[in-house]
Protein backbone atom coordinates (compact mmCIF):
# COMPACT_ATOMS: atom_id res chain seq x y z
CA MET A 1 -27.26 23.36 23.01
CA PRO A 2 -26.88 19.57 22.65
CA ARG A 3 -29.64 17.61 24.37
CA LEU A 4 -28.72 15.13 27.10
CA ILE A 5 -29.13 11.51 26.09
CA PRO A 6 -31.28 9.70 28.67
CA GLN A 7 -30.06 6.53 30.36
CA PRO A 8 -32.02 3.20 29.50
CA ASP A 9 -33.97 3.18 32.75
CA GLU A 10 -35.16 6.85 32.02
CA MET A 11 -36.29 5.97 28.40
CA PRO A 12 -39.97 5.44 27.44
CA SER A 13 -40.64 1.75 27.74
CA SER A 14 -42.60 0.94 24.59
CA ILE A 15 -39.83 0.30 22.04
CA PHE A 16 -37.30 -0.81 24.73
CA ARG A 17 -39.50 -3.60 26.14
CA TYR A 18 -40.67 -4.60 22.67
CA LEU A 19 -37.04 -5.02 21.56
CA VAL A 20 -35.96 -7.00 24.71
CA ALA A 21 -38.93 -9.45 24.53
CA ARG A 22 -38.27 -10.50 20.94
CA ALA A 23 -34.60 -10.39 21.10
CA THR A 24 -34.78 -12.80 24.05
CA VAL A 25 -36.69 -15.35 21.92
CA VAL A 26 -34.31 -15.02 19.08
CA LEU A 27 -31.23 -15.32 21.21
CA VAL A 28 -32.42 -18.54 22.82
CA LEU A 29 -33.12 -20.06 19.51
CA MET A 30 -29.81 -18.88 18.14
CA ALA A 31 -28.09 -20.49 21.02
CA VAL A 32 -29.55 -23.82 20.10
CA VAL A 33 -28.60 -23.27 16.57
CA ALA A 34 -25.01 -22.46 17.45
CA GLY A 35 -24.83 -25.57 19.76
CA ALA A 36 -25.93 -27.93 17.07
CA SER A 37 -23.70 -26.25 14.44
CA ILE A 38 -20.70 -26.38 16.63
CA LEU A 39 -21.03 -30.04 17.28
CA ALA A 40 -21.34 -30.85 13.51
CA LEU A 41 -18.50 -28.46 12.48
CA LEU A 42 -16.17 -30.02 15.18
CA GLN A 43 -16.54 -33.44 13.53
CA ALA A 44 -15.83 -31.87 10.11
CA ARG A 45 -12.82 -30.18 11.67
CA MET A 46 -11.44 -33.44 13.08
CA ASP A 47 -11.61 -35.04 9.59
CA ASN A 48 -10.03 -32.07 8.02
CA SER A 49 -7.33 -32.08 10.71
CA ILE A 50 -6.37 -35.65 9.73
CA LEU A 51 -6.27 -34.55 6.06
CA ALA A 52 -4.06 -31.58 6.77
CA ASP A 53 -1.69 -33.18 9.36
CA MET A 54 -0.93 -36.45 7.51
CA HIS A 55 -1.55 -36.47 3.85
CA VAL A 56 -1.06 -32.83 2.69
CA PRO A 57 2.40 -32.42 4.15
CA ARG A 58 3.60 -35.76 2.60
CA PHE A 59 2.19 -34.69 -0.85
CA ARG A 60 3.69 -31.13 -0.54
CA SER A 61 7.12 -32.43 0.55
CA ALA A 62 7.25 -34.93 -2.28
CA VAL A 63 6.37 -32.28 -4.88
CA HIS A 64 9.05 -29.81 -3.47
CA LEU A 65 11.56 -32.59 -3.40
CA SER A 66 11.03 -33.17 -7.09
CA MET A 67 11.39 -29.57 -7.81
CA ASP A 68 14.62 -29.39 -5.82
CA ALA A 69 16.11 -32.41 -7.65
CA ASN A 70 15.33 -30.93 -11.12
CA ALA A 71 16.93 -27.65 -9.87
CA ALA A 72 20.00 -29.40 -8.65
CA ALA A 73 20.39 -31.21 -12.01
CA ALA A 74 19.97 -27.89 -13.81
CA LEU A 75 22.58 -26.21 -11.74
CA SER A 76 25.07 -29.01 -12.39
CA VAL A 77 24.56 -28.46 -16.22
CA ARG A 78 25.05 -24.75 -15.72
CA MET A 79 28.26 -25.34 -13.64
CA SER A 80 29.77 -27.17 -16.66
CA THR A 81 29.70 -23.86 -18.59
CA ALA A 82 30.99 -21.68 -15.89
CA SER A 83 33.43 -19.20 -17.28
CA SER A 84 35.11 -18.02 -14.03
CA GLN A 85 36.00 -19.44 -10.60
CA GLY A 86 33.58 -16.81 -9.00
CA GLU A 87 30.53 -18.16 -11.07
CA ARG A 88 31.61 -21.79 -10.25
CA ARG A 89 31.72 -21.07 -6.56
CA SER A 90 28.40 -19.19 -6.66
CA LEU A 91 26.74 -22.19 -8.44
CA LEU A 92 28.41 -24.58 -5.90
CA ASP A 93 26.97 -22.54 -3.01
CA ARG A 94 23.46 -22.71 -4.60
CA LEU A 95 23.85 -26.44 -5.01
CA ALA A 96 24.73 -26.69 -1.35
CA GLU A 97 21.51 -24.79 -0.57
CA ARG A 98 19.46 -27.18 -2.64
CA HIS A 99 21.17 -30.16 -0.90
CA GLN A 100 20.06 -28.75 2.44
CA ALA A 101 16.61 -27.98 1.13
CA MET A 102 16.25 -31.55 -0.03
CA GLU A 103 17.39 -32.90 3.31
CA GLU A 104 14.72 -30.82 4.93
CA ARG A 105 12.05 -32.22 2.63
CA ILE A 106 13.28 -35.72 3.30
CA ALA A 107 13.00 -35.04 7.07
CA GLN A 108 9.48 -33.80 6.52
CA MET A 109 8.60 -36.95 4.64
CA VAL A 110 9.94 -39.00 7.49
CA ASP A 111 7.73 -37.11 9.92
CA SER A 112 4.71 -37.68 7.68
CA GLY A 113 5.18 -41.50 7.71
CA VAL A 114 7.12 -42.38 4.58
CA ASP A 115 8.70 -45.92 4.96
CA SER A 116 12.47 -46.09 5.79
CA ALA A 117 13.34 -47.99 2.57
CA SER A 118 11.98 -45.14 0.37
CA VAL A 119 13.85 -42.62 2.53
CA VAL A 120 17.16 -44.57 2.09
CA SER A 121 16.64 -44.66 -1.77
CA ILE A 122 15.80 -40.91 -1.89
CA ARG A 123 18.93 -40.16 0.01
CA ARG A 124 21.07 -42.31 -2.13
CA LEU A 125 19.80 -40.62 -5.32
CA ARG A 126 20.22 -37.25 -3.65
CA ASP A 127 23.77 -37.98 -2.61
CA GLY A 128 24.52 -39.19 -6.12
CA LEU A 129 23.26 -35.94 -7.50
CA MET A 130 25.50 -33.92 -5.20
CA ASP A 131 28.58 -36.07 -5.76
CA GLY A 132 28.14 -35.55 -9.51
CA ALA A 133 27.69 -31.82 -9.10
CA VAL A 134 30.97 -31.75 -7.12
CA ALA A 135 32.67 -33.73 -9.84
CA ILE A 136 31.44 -31.39 -12.51
CA SER A 137 32.58 -28.41 -10.38
CA ALA A 138 36.12 -29.98 -10.16
CA ILE A 139 36.14 -30.48 -13.94
CA ALA A 140 34.93 -26.85 -14.35
CA GLN A 141 37.70 -25.60 -12.07
CA GLU A 142 40.39 -27.51 -13.97
CA GLU A 143 39.01 -26.34 -17.39
CA ILE A 144 39.00 -22.67 -16.29
CA THR A 145 42.62 -23.09 -14.96
CA LEU A 146 43.83 -24.69 -18.28
CA ARG A 147 42.07 -22.20 -20.48
CA ALA A 148 43.70 -19.41 -18.54
CA MET A 149 47.19 -20.69 -19.43
CA THR A 150 48.94 -18.44 -21.87
CA VAL A 151 51.06 -21.20 -23.38
CA LYS A 152 48.96 -23.72 -25.26
CA ASN A 153 50.34 -27.23 -26.04
CA PRO A 154 49.03 -30.56 -27.35
CA ALA A 155 49.02 -32.06 -23.80
CA VAL A 156 46.73 -29.22 -22.56
CA GLN A 157 44.37 -29.59 -25.54
CA GLU A 158 44.28 -33.44 -24.94
CA ARG A 159 43.51 -32.85 -21.26
CA LEU A 160 40.65 -30.37 -22.19
CA GLU A 161 39.21 -32.95 -24.52
CA GLU A 162 39.26 -35.64 -21.81
CA LEU A 163 37.68 -33.32 -19.31
CA GLU A 164 34.96 -32.50 -21.83
CA GLN A 165 34.17 -36.20 -22.37
CA ARG A 166 34.10 -36.74 -18.55
CA ARG A 167 31.80 -33.75 -18.14
CA ARG A 168 29.41 -35.01 -20.77
CA ASN A 169 29.29 -38.42 -19.06
CA LEU A 170 28.58 -36.79 -15.69
CA ILE A 171 25.97 -34.62 -17.12
CA LEU A 172 24.17 -37.66 -18.56
CA ARG A 173 24.51 -39.46 -15.24
CA GLN A 174 23.03 -36.41 -13.45
CA GLN A 175 20.01 -36.39 -15.78
CA ASP A 176 19.46 -40.16 -15.12
CA LEU A 177 19.73 -39.67 -11.35
CA SER A 178 17.44 -36.69 -11.60
CA SER A 179 14.93 -38.53 -13.54
CA GLU A 180 15.11 -41.52 -11.32
CA LEU A 181 14.60 -39.39 -8.17
CA SER A 182 11.74 -37.41 -9.89
CA GLY A 183 10.08 -40.75 -10.76
CA PHE A 184 10.45 -42.07 -7.24
CA VAL A 185 9.10 -39.05 -5.55
CA THR A 186 6.28 -38.81 -8.16
CA ALA A 187 5.23 -42.28 -7.26
CA LEU A 188 5.25 -41.09 -3.58
CA ALA A 189 3.25 -38.07 -4.33
CA SER A 190 0.74 -40.12 -6.38
CA GLU A 191 0.35 -42.38 -3.45
CA ALA A 192 -0.12 -39.39 -1.01
CA GLY A 193 -2.61 -38.09 -3.47
CA ARG A 194 -4.73 -41.20 -3.43
CA HIS A 195 -4.77 -41.17 0.42
CA PHE A 196 -5.54 -37.41 0.14
CA ASP A 197 -8.56 -38.11 -2.07
CA ASP A 198 -9.83 -40.89 0.12
CA GLN A 199 -9.66 -38.75 3.24
CA ARG A 200 -11.19 -35.82 1.36
CA GLU A 201 -14.18 -38.01 0.43
CA ILE A 202 -14.67 -38.91 4.08
CA SER A 203 -14.33 -35.26 5.09
CA GLY A 204 -16.85 -34.28 2.41
CA ARG A 205 -19.40 -36.67 3.73
CA THR A 206 -18.93 -35.28 7.30
CA ALA A 207 -19.07 -31.76 5.96
CA LEU A 208 -22.32 -32.59 4.12
CA LYS A 209 -23.88 -33.78 7.33
CA ALA A 210 -22.70 -30.70 9.05
CA VAL A 211 -24.22 -28.47 6.41
CA ALA A 212 -27.58 -30.33 6.64
CA VAL A 213 -27.60 -29.69 10.53
CA VAL A 214 -26.55 -26.09 10.06
CA GLY A 215 -29.07 -25.62 7.29
CA ALA A 216 -31.96 -26.96 9.38
CA CYS A 217 -30.96 -24.79 12.27
CA ALA A 218 -30.51 -21.79 10.03
CA LEU A 219 -33.97 -22.26 8.61
CA ALA A 220 -35.48 -22.20 12.15
CA ALA A 221 -33.46 -19.09 12.86
CA MET A 222 -34.71 -17.46 9.70
CA VAL A 223 -38.29 -18.01 10.74
CA ALA A 224 -37.67 -16.37 14.12
CA VAL A 225 -35.97 -13.43 12.37
CA ILE A 226 -38.80 -12.91 9.95
CA TRP A 227 -41.32 -13.06 12.87
CA MET A 228 -39.21 -10.36 14.64
CA TYR A 229 -38.83 -8.34 11.50
CA TRP A 230 -42.54 -8.06 10.84
CA GLY A 231 -43.22 -7.16 14.32
CA LEU A 232 -40.70 -4.37 14.40
CA ARG A 233 -41.45 -3.13 10.92
CA ARG A 234 -44.38 -0.87 11.96
CA HIS A 235 -43.03 0.32 15.29
CA VAL A 236 -39.39 0.86 14.57
CA VAL A 237 -38.17 0.17 10.96
CA ASP A 238 -40.51 2.54 9.07
CA ARG A 239 -39.77 5.48 11.31
CA ILE A 240 -35.89 4.79 11.14
CA LEU A 241 -36.17 4.61 7.29
CA ALA A 242 -37.94 8.04 7.45
CA LEU A 243 -35.13 9.27 9.60
CA ARG A 244 -32.48 7.88 7.19
CA ALA A 245 -34.26 9.39 4.27
CA ALA A 246 -34.01 12.77 5.97
CA MET A 247 -30.35 12.27 6.50
CA LEU A 248 -29.60 11.25 2.84
CA ASN A 249 -31.61 14.19 1.44
CA TRP A 250 -29.55 16.54 3.70
CA HIS A 251 -27.30 18.78 1.52
CA GLY A 252 -26.38 21.34 3.99
CA GLY A 253 -28.40 23.75 5.84
CA ALA A 254 -31.40 22.79 8.07
CA VAL A 255 -32.83 19.37 7.89
CA VAL A 256 -36.43 18.21 8.70
CA VAL A 257 -36.68 14.92 10.55
CA PRO A 258 -39.85 13.01 11.45
CA ARG A 259 -41.13 13.24 15.00
CA GLU A 260 -43.74 11.07 16.58
CA GLY A 261 -44.35 10.96 20.31
CA ASN A 262 -41.55 11.09 22.73
CA ASP A 263 -39.78 7.82 22.50
CA GLU A 264 -36.26 6.82 21.59
CA ILE A 265 -36.42 7.43 17.86
CA THR A 266 -37.83 10.95 18.49
CA GLN A 267 -34.98 11.59 20.75
CA MET A 268 -32.48 10.32 18.00
CA SER A 269 -34.24 12.83 15.54
CA ASP A 270 -33.62 15.70 17.85
CA THR A 271 -30.04 14.73 18.53
CA LEU A 272 -29.56 14.38 14.72
CA VAL A 273 -30.66 18.01 14.26
CA ASP A 274 -28.15 19.23 16.95
CA LEU A 275 -25.39 17.06 15.36
CA ILE A 276 -26.03 18.48 11.88
CA ALA A 277 -25.82 22.01 13.08
CA THR A 278 -22.54 21.18 14.78
CA VAL A 279 -21.20 19.39 11.75
CA GLU A 280 -22.10 22.51 9.59
CA ARG A 281 -20.15 24.78 11.89
CA ARG A 282 -17.15 22.48 12.14
CA ASN A 283 -17.03 21.90 8.33
CA ALA A 284 -16.83 25.58 7.72
CA GLU A 285 -13.91 25.87 10.20
CA LEU A 286 -12.13 22.95 8.78
CA GLU A 287 -12.48 24.16 5.24
CA VAL A 288 -10.75 27.34 6.28
CA MET A 289 -8.01 25.41 8.15
CA ALA A 290 -7.54 22.86 5.38
CA SER A 291 -6.96 25.54 2.65
CA THR A 292 -4.93 28.15 4.64
CA ASP A 293 -1.31 28.30 5.71
CA PRO A 294 -1.59 29.03 9.48
CA LEU A 295 1.60 31.17 9.63
CA THR A 296 0.97 33.63 6.77
CA GLY A 297 -2.64 33.28 6.11
CA LEU A 298 -1.94 32.57 2.28
CA THR A 299 -3.44 29.66 0.61
CA ASN A 300 -1.53 26.34 1.46
CA ARG A 301 0.10 24.04 -0.94
CA ARG A 302 -2.78 21.48 -1.25
CA ARG A 303 -5.46 24.07 -1.97
CA PHE A 304 -3.08 25.91 -4.44
CA ALA A 305 -2.65 22.74 -6.32
CA GLU A 306 -6.41 22.17 -6.67
CA ARG A 307 -7.08 25.77 -7.69
CA ALA A 308 -4.06 25.83 -10.03
CA ASP A 309 -5.18 22.68 -11.89
CA GLU A 310 -8.62 24.33 -12.46
CA GLU A 311 -6.98 27.47 -13.79
CA ILE A 312 -4.73 25.42 -16.11
CA ARG A 313 -7.62 23.49 -17.61
CA ARG A 314 -9.44 26.85 -18.11
CA ALA A 315 -6.47 28.52 -19.76
CA GLN A 316 -5.96 25.55 -22.15
CA ARG A 317 -9.65 25.33 -22.85
CA TYR A 318 -10.09 29.05 -23.81
CA ASP A 319 -6.54 29.47 -25.03
CA VAL A 320 -5.68 32.35 -22.66
CA ALA A 321 -2.38 33.24 -21.01
CA LEU A 322 -1.49 31.97 -17.56
CA THR A 323 1.75 32.77 -15.68
CA LEU A 324 3.34 31.29 -12.65
CA ILE A 325 5.71 33.31 -10.29
CA VAL A 326 7.86 31.31 -7.76
CA GLY A 327 9.72 33.24 -5.14
CA ASP A 328 12.27 32.14 -2.52
CA VAL A 329 13.41 34.41 0.30
CA ASP A 330 17.08 34.97 0.05
CA HIS A 331 19.49 33.70 2.97
CA PHE A 332 16.47 32.75 5.00
CA LYS A 333 18.49 30.00 6.83
CA ALA A 334 20.71 32.71 8.06
CA VAL A 335 17.86 34.51 9.56
CA ASN A 336 16.61 31.34 11.36
CA ASP A 337 20.14 30.49 12.54
CA GLY A 338 21.11 34.08 13.62
CA TRP A 339 17.87 35.39 15.11
CA GLY A 340 15.78 32.33 15.87
CA HIS A 341 12.60 30.72 14.40
CA ASP A 342 10.34 33.35 16.05
CA VAL A 343 11.96 36.07 14.07
CA GLY A 344 12.00 33.78 11.02
CA ASP A 345 8.26 33.45 11.36
CA LEU A 346 7.93 37.26 11.60
CA ALA A 347 9.93 37.48 8.45
CA LEU A 348 7.77 35.07 6.54
CA ARG A 349 4.58 37.00 7.59
CA HIS A 350 6.27 40.15 6.49
CA VAL A 351 7.17 38.91 2.99
CA ALA A 352 3.64 37.29 2.69
CA SER A 353 2.03 40.60 3.54
CA ILE A 354 3.96 42.36 0.84
CA TRP A 355 3.46 39.43 -1.65
CA ARG A 356 -0.31 39.63 -1.17
CA ASP A 357 -0.50 43.40 -1.47
CA GLN A 358 1.24 43.37 -4.91
CA LEU A 359 -1.31 40.89 -6.49
CA ARG A 360 -4.74 41.26 -7.83
CA ASP A 361 -7.75 39.76 -6.29
CA VAL A 362 -8.11 37.23 -9.21
CA ASP A 363 -4.47 36.07 -8.70
CA LEU A 364 -3.87 32.97 -6.61
CA SER A 365 -1.06 33.32 -4.09
CA ALA A 366 0.28 30.65 -1.76
CA ARG A 367 3.05 29.63 0.56
CA ILE A 368 4.08 26.13 -0.57
CA GLY A 369 6.76 25.30 2.04
CA GLY A 370 9.54 26.85 4.01
CA GLU A 371 10.46 30.23 2.52
CA GLU A 372 8.91 29.58 -0.92
CA PHE A 373 5.98 31.53 -2.34
CA VAL A 374 4.03 31.17 -5.53
CA ALA A 375 1.48 33.32 -7.46
CA LEU A 376 -0.57 32.13 -10.39
CA LEU A 377 -1.68 34.94 -12.57
CA PRO A 378 -4.76 34.16 -14.90
CA GLU A 379 -4.94 35.85 -18.26
CA THR A 380 -1.52 37.55 -17.77
CA PRO A 381 1.14 37.17 -20.51
CA LEU A 382 4.77 36.80 -19.66
CA PRO A 383 6.00 40.41 -20.07
CA GLN A 384 3.08 41.71 -17.84
CA ALA A 385 3.99 38.93 -15.25
CA GLU A 386 7.58 40.07 -15.31
CA GLY A 387 6.47 43.56 -14.32
CA VAL A 388 4.42 42.08 -11.36
CA ALA A 389 7.43 39.96 -10.22
CA GLU A 390 9.72 42.95 -10.34
CA ARG A 391 7.16 45.04 -8.37
CA ILE A 392 7.12 42.31 -5.71
CA ARG A 393 10.96 42.07 -5.61
CA ALA A 394 11.38 45.79 -5.29
CA ALA A 395 8.69 46.18 -2.62
CA ILE A 396 10.24 43.50 -0.43
CA ALA A 397 13.81 44.91 -0.92
CA ALA A 398 12.49 48.43 -0.06
CA THR A 399 10.50 47.52 3.02
CA PRO A 400 12.73 46.57 5.91
CA LEU A 401 11.51 44.46 8.86
CA SER A 402 11.80 45.97 12.28
CA THR A 403 11.13 44.02 15.34
CA GLU A 404 11.68 44.59 19.03
CA GLY A 405 15.10 43.49 20.25
CA VAL A 406 16.24 42.81 16.68
CA ALA A 407 18.17 45.15 14.32
CA VAL A 408 16.30 46.44 11.23
CA MET A 409 16.38 43.57 8.74
CA HIS A 410 16.52 43.92 5.05
CA LEU A 411 15.00 41.03 3.18
CA THR A 412 15.30 40.13 -0.46
CA ILE A 413 13.73 37.53 -2.70
CA SER A 414 14.72 35.77 -5.94
CA LEU A 415 11.96 35.12 -8.39
CA GLY A 416 11.40 32.82 -11.35
CA ILE A 417 8.59 33.20 -13.93
CA ALA A 418 7.07 30.60 -16.35
CA ALA A 419 4.18 31.09 -18.81
CA LEU A 420 2.02 27.97 -19.43
CA LEU A 421 2.84 26.22 -22.62
CA PRO A 422 0.29 24.04 -24.59
CA GLY A 423 -0.33 20.65 -23.05
CA GLU A 424 1.67 21.52 -19.81
CA THR A 425 0.63 20.16 -16.37
CA LEU A 426 1.15 22.04 -13.14
CA THR A 427 4.22 19.86 -12.44
CA ASP A 428 5.76 20.88 -15.73
CA LEU A 429 4.88 24.63 -15.04
CA MET A 430 6.27 24.50 -11.60
CA ARG A 431 9.50 22.83 -12.71
CA ARG A 432 10.19 25.46 -15.27
CA ALA A 433 9.46 28.32 -12.82
CA ASP A 434 11.75 26.68 -10.23
CA GLN A 435 14.48 26.46 -12.68
CA ALA A 436 14.13 30.15 -13.46
CA MET A 437 14.21 30.88 -9.73
CA TYR A 438 17.38 28.87 -9.30
CA ARG A 439 18.87 30.89 -12.11
CA ALA A 440 18.01 34.05 -10.19
CA LYS A 441 19.70 32.61 -7.13
CA HIS A 442 22.85 31.84 -9.06
CA SER A 443 22.75 35.22 -10.73
CA GLY A 444 23.48 36.96 -7.35
CA ARG A 445 19.86 36.76 -5.82
CA ASN A 446 17.33 39.66 -5.48
CA VAL A 447 16.63 39.43 -9.26
CA VAL A 448 13.91 38.16 -11.51
CA ARG A 449 14.45 35.53 -14.16
CA SER A 450 11.99 34.11 -16.74
CA ALA A 451 11.86 30.46 -18.09
CA THR A 452 12.96 30.01 -21.58
């Protein structure tokens, strides 16, 4: 029976009062430490806020604007080699997106305090880039149209050469504009970087002061904690460590915990004994639940996989035979649809009972889902396993299921067999057995087929 845990006012007062007195002293000191630390950190936060709100956005916007400008110039060059109207339109759409992104960066720079003359220059260069891109797009469109003409003549060839020359000139102009814009925003980024470094130096000095204040307060708090620690060591910590050692050394079964007097720690020890007994009982129940299919009582899929991996390793280590049987109840969906899931559950229990009875104690049988059953036969070669599978099939076919309110039901099962090959995993073995079972299904059901 679990022991009742007493309320604080019912507990022995020795440890409780000892903790309250020393905790009060430490809490008061910590409140002083927290107040001084908060004041110092608030000043550092204000300096960092100036840094984050003014200089960082300007620097970031300048860097992104330079990247967008370079990307726009690169897209212009790519557009000059577009081989279809679809590719040209796609590149034009991407240029429009870059144009919009650059406008957003410029707006951010305006918000961060960039002067209007610089903004006008940036917009002029940005618009020049976009105008050049549109012109290159028009040239690409005309070139695609001319190249698609089936009849070639000197006039067309001359026009293509003219367009090629215009395109080269525009590309050179795009590169110049991109370089000019990149240089411009690089200068802005450098200026923002200098302001950033200056403000960061101010923030660093403020943070240094804050660290000094916090360090002094932390030192005082540390002294108080050490004082409290040594006071608690003999009365509380040593006994709790002994209790912890008892818990760590517990590997199942009864546990011996230290008892001294009748205070809170002794009550914890008694409660631990009760808890361990409960855990032992629940673990045993959970182990059964976790490894068993609740409907049929066979091993479930998870536990089967664990055991099967062990058997496969053993078979490969000692070079002994290992065979897997996979069975699937025929027309089980018709049973569920025609008679309901309750009857379907009865049918699965019926098949599971026969399945289990036809196997040895050393064989591992399981229901792995739905109407599918498996059996792993250690040290059993394929011919012998075929006989076991045939015996299972014949027993299920010869044993009708009779339930109240339902006509006598004759069930059958299709089975596939696979023998373990060198180097195979459980997944490989299951796949080959499944394939053999599906061949049994396609062969008219109620038969046994072996993997090749």
